[in-house]
C-alpha atoms as a PDB file:
ATOM      1  CA  UNK A   1       1.020  99.890 -88.381  1.00  0.00           C
ATOM      2  CA  UNK A   2       4.366  97.901 -88.454  1.00  0.00           C
ATOM      3  CA  UNK A   3       2.606  94.395 -88.863  1.00  0.00           C
ATOM      4  CA  UNK A   4       5.520  92.742 -86.722  1.00  0.00           C
ATOM      5  CA  UNK A   5       4.968  94.826 -83.558  1.00  0.00           C
ATOM      6  CA  UNK A   6       2.083  94.078 -81.367  1.00  0.00           C
ATOM      7  CA  UNK A   7      -0.649  96.293 -81.762  1.00  0.00           C
ATOM      8  CA  UNK A   8      -1.595  98.564 -78.858  1.00  0.00           C
ATOM      9  CA  UNK A   9      -5.435  99.390 -77.928  1.00  0.00           C
ATOM     10  CA  UNK A  10      -6.518 102.673 -78.908  1.00  0.00           C
ATOM     11  CA  UNK A  11      -6.468 105.387 -76.233  1.00  0.00           C
ATOM     12  CA  UNK A  12     -10.075 106.709 -77.324  1.00  0.00           C
ATOM     13  CA  UNK A  13     -11.788 103.452 -78.915  1.00  0.00           C
ATOM     14  CA  UNK A  14     -14.618 104.182 -81.114  1.00  0.00           C
ATOM     15  CA  UNK A  15     -17.746 101.911 -80.325  1.00  0.00           C
ATOM     16  CA  UNK A  16     -20.202 103.184 -82.756  1.00  0.00           C
ATOM     17  CA  UNK A  17     -20.174 100.664 -85.366  1.00  0.00           C
ATOM     18  CA  UNK A  18     -19.699  97.732 -82.765  1.00  0.00           C
ATOM     19  CA  UNK A  19     -22.803  99.092 -80.921  1.00  0.00           C
ATOM     20  CA  UNK A  20     -24.846  99.372 -84.215  1.00  0.00           C
ATOM     21  CA  UNK A  21     -23.942  95.621 -84.963  1.00  0.00           C
ATOM     22  CA  UNK A  22     -24.850  94.408 -81.419  1.00  0.00           C
ATOM     23  CA  UNK A  23     -28.310  96.310 -81.900  1.00  0.00           C
ATOM     24  CA  UNK A  24     -28.786  94.750 -85.075  1.00  0.00           C
ATOM     25  CA  UNK A  25     -28.116  91.199 -83.828  1.00  0.00           C
ATOM     26  CA  UNK A  26     -30.443  91.862 -80.802  1.00  0.00           C
ATOM     27  CA  UNK A  27     -33.158  93.158 -83.143  1.00  0.00           C
ATOM     28  CA  UNK A  28     -33.075  90.091 -85.484  1.00  0.00           C
ATOM     29  CA  UNK A  29     -33.451  87.880 -82.491  1.00  0.00           C
ATOM     30  CA  UNK A  30     -36.485  90.004 -81.179  1.00  0.00           C
ATOM     31  CA  UNK A  31     -38.054  90.391 -84.498  1.00  0.00           C
ATOM     32  CA  UNK A  32     -37.440  86.755 -85.758  1.00  0.00           C
ATOM     33  CA  UNK A  33     -36.434  84.771 -82.747  1.00  0.00           C
ATOM     34  CA  UNK A  34     -33.206  83.727 -84.427  1.00  0.00           C
ATOM     35  CA  UNK A  35     -30.260  84.893 -86.591  1.00  0.00           C
ATOM     36  CA  UNK A  36     -30.920  84.979 -90.292  1.00  0.00           C
ATOM     37  CA  UNK A  37     -27.398  86.157 -91.295  1.00  0.00           C
ATOM     38  CA  UNK A  38     -25.065  83.269 -90.027  1.00  0.00           C
ATOM     39  CA  UNK A  39     -22.183  85.814 -90.209  1.00  0.00           C
ATOM     40  CA  UNK A  40     -23.532  88.462 -88.147  1.00  0.00           C
ATOM     41  CA  UNK A  41     -21.622  87.104 -84.963  1.00  0.00           C
ATOM     42  CA  UNK A  42     -18.475  87.230 -87.017  1.00  0.00           C
ATOM     43  CA  UNK A  43     -19.046  91.107 -88.285  1.00  0.00           C
ATOM     44  CA  UNK A  44     -19.481  91.912 -84.337  1.00  0.00           C
ATOM     45  CA  UNK A  45     -16.063  90.161 -83.488  1.00  0.00           C
ATOM     46  CA  UNK A  46     -14.391  92.447 -86.371  1.00  0.00           C
ATOM     47  CA  UNK A  47     -16.222  95.486 -85.297  1.00  0.00           C
ATOM     48  CA  UNK A  48     -14.792  94.606 -81.853  1.00  0.00           C
ATOM     49  CA  UNK A  49     -11.386  94.316 -83.028  1.00  0.00           C
ATOM     50  CA  UNK A  50     -11.510  97.620 -85.250  1.00  0.00           C
ATOM     51  CA  UNK A  51     -13.111  99.482 -82.140  1.00  0.00           C
ATOM     52  CA  UNK A  52     -10.227  98.579 -79.688  1.00  0.00           C
ATOM     53  CA  UNK A  53      -7.206  98.578 -82.188  1.00  0.00           C
ATOM     54  CA  UNK A  54      -8.174 100.516 -85.313  1.00  0.00           C
ATOM     55  CA  UNK A  55      -8.840  99.191 -88.876  1.00  0.00           C
ATOM     56  CA  UNK A  56      -5.058  98.650 -89.000  1.00  0.00           C
ATOM     57  CA  UNK A  57      -5.429  95.624 -86.943  1.00  0.00           C
ATOM     58  CA  UNK A  58      -6.049  93.402 -90.032  1.00  0.00           C
ATOM     59  CA  UNK A  59      -2.532  94.567 -91.169  1.00  0.00           C
ATOM     60  CA  UNK A  60      -1.218  92.556 -87.891  1.00  0.00           C
ATOM     61  CA  UNK A  61      -3.657  89.857 -88.120  1.00  0.00           C
ATOM     62  CA  UNK A  62      -3.022  89.056 -91.982  1.00  0.00           C
ATOM     63  CA  UNK A  63       0.707  89.535 -91.916  1.00  0.00           C
ATOM     64  CA  UNK A  64       1.466  85.867 -91.809  1.00  0.00           C
ATOM     65  CA  UNK A  65      -0.794  84.942 -94.575  1.00  0.00           C
ATOM     66  CA  UNK A  66       0.480  87.637 -96.693  1.00  0.00           C
ATOM     67  CA  UNK A  67       4.219  86.649 -96.348  1.00  0.00           C
ATOM     68  CA  UNK A  68       3.145  82.715 -97.350  1.00  0.00           C
ATOM     69  CA  UNK A  69       1.844  84.081-100.493  1.00  0.00           C
END
């Protein structure tokens, strides 16, 4: 993916990993009453971006940071 081009959504997104992360989140609340892993909501967000745009989305997101270094 060319990081300078705005990414396009995948025609056939794969929601498997996102669904698993959401299930883990709900099960943790059901079992504990709260979320023990403070980063779990962040992982769900990452899984959502990857499901919709593909794993190369991080090339686009991190591009500005990479050129600053």
